[in-house]
Amino acid sequence: RLENTNREHGYDELRVPRLVGGAPQARARARATYAREHAYHVHSLSVCADGETFLSADDLRVNLWRLDVADRCCNVVDAKPPNMEDLAA
């Protein structure tokens, strides 16, 4: 059973701690670096259900990676045309 013990100590309302000194900051830290298999910025990552592989995607490619193998991947989709100028047409 929960009781309001604030009244026994002379408090009439709940006190909640406040953050002093600004907003909290999140920092990114690389735990692993994988081979440079993307020519463009990676815009999507998806961890597979097996917990051992993940997919990465840029505008033209999708790669399948193993978490324990950082130096190579399997190319699943490659939509890069032989002539990159064909993309502008």
Protein backbone atom coordinates (compact mmCIF):
# COMPACT_ATOMS: atom_id res chain seq x y z
CA ARG A 1 0.00 0.00 0.00
CA LEU A 2 1.33 3.39 -0.99
CA GLU A 3 0.86 6.28 1.36
CA ASN A 4 1.47 9.97 0.95
CA THR A 5 4.28 10.57 3.43
CA ASN A 6 4.75 14.19 2.34
CA ARG A 7 2.16 15.41 4.86
CA GLU A 8 4.00 13.89 7.80
CA HIS A 9 7.06 15.88 6.77
CA GLY A 10 5.12 19.13 6.25
CA TYR A 11 4.93 19.01 2.44
CA ASP A 12 1.60 19.86 0.84
CA GLU A 13 2.53 19.03 -2.76
CA LEU A 14 4.75 16.66 -4.67
CA ARG A 15 8.22 17.96 -5.47
CA VAL A 16 9.77 16.83 -8.74
CA PRO A 17 13.49 17.37 -9.41
CA ARG A 18 14.29 19.75 -12.26
CA LEU A 19 17.20 19.68 -14.67
CA VAL A 20 19.54 22.60 -14.06
CA GLY A 21 21.98 23.81 -16.69
CA GLY A 22 20.09 23.26 -19.94
CA ALA A 23 18.62 20.45 -21.92
CA PRO A 24 20.12 16.95 -21.82
CA GLN A 25 22.44 16.11 -24.68
CA ALA A 26 22.70 12.85 -26.56
CA ARG A 27 26.05 11.84 -27.98
CA ALA A 28 26.73 9.28 -30.67
CA ARG A 29 29.68 6.94 -30.34
CA ALA A 30 30.83 4.47 -32.98
CA ARG A 31 31.05 0.94 -31.61
CA ALA A 32 32.12 -0.55 -34.92
CA THR A 33 33.14 0.73 -38.33
CA TYR A 34 32.08 -1.18 -41.41
CA ALA A 35 33.69 -1.15 -44.88
CA ARG A 36 32.84 1.68 -47.25
CA GLU A 37 30.40 -0.14 -49.49
CA HIS A 38 28.04 2.81 -50.07
CA ALA A 39 28.82 5.58 -52.56
CA TYR A 40 26.07 7.81 -51.13
CA HIS A 41 24.82 8.68 -47.67
CA VAL A 42 23.21 5.75 -45.86
CA HIS A 43 19.60 6.70 -45.13
CA SER A 44 18.25 3.43 -43.71
CA LEU A 45 19.40 0.72 -41.32
CA SER A 46 17.38 -2.29 -40.31
CA VAL A 47 18.39 -5.02 -37.87
CA CYS A 48 17.22 -8.46 -38.98
CA ALA A 49 15.22 -10.74 -36.67
CA ASP A 50 18.13 -13.19 -36.34
CA GLY A 51 20.08 -10.55 -34.36
CA GLU A 52 23.21 -11.34 -36.39
CA THR A 53 22.66 -9.38 -39.60
CA PHE A 54 21.44 -5.96 -40.68
CA LEU A 55 20.56 -4.12 -43.88
CA SER A 56 21.91 -0.72 -44.93
CA ALA A 57 20.54 1.34 -47.82
CA ASP A 58 21.53 4.43 -49.77
CA ASP A 59 19.77 5.87 -52.82
CA LEU A 60 20.99 3.13 -55.17
CA ARG A 61 22.09 0.12 -53.10
CA VAL A 62 20.94 -2.19 -50.32
CA ASN A 63 23.59 -4.26 -48.54
CA LEU A 64 23.29 -7.15 -46.09
CA TRP A 65 25.91 -7.23 -43.31
CA ARG A 66 26.87 -9.58 -40.51
CA LEU A 67 27.50 -7.85 -37.20
CA ASP A 68 30.68 -9.87 -36.63
CA VAL A 69 32.16 -9.24 -40.14
CA ALA A 70 32.89 -5.55 -40.70
CA ASP A 71 35.06 -5.71 -43.81
CA ARG A 72 32.61 -7.18 -46.35
CA CYS A 73 28.92 -7.40 -47.14
CA CYS A 74 26.48 -8.97 -49.58
CA ASN A 75 24.95 -6.60 -52.13
CA VAL A 76 21.20 -7.33 -52.22
CA VAL A 77 20.03 -4.55 -54.57
CA ASP A 78 22.19 -2.51 -56.94
CA ALA A 79 20.22 0.02 -58.98
CA LYS A 80 23.27 2.00 -60.08
CA PRO A 81 23.14 2.42 -63.86
CA PRO A 82 26.29 1.87 -65.96
CA ASN A 83 26.20 5.56 -66.86
CA MET A 84 25.35 7.85 -63.91
CA GLU A 85 24.16 10.56 -66.33
CA ASP A 86 21.16 8.31 -67.08
CA LEU A 87 19.80 9.20 -63.64
CA ALA A 88 19.41 12.86 -64.57
CA ALA A 89 17.26 12.09 -67.63
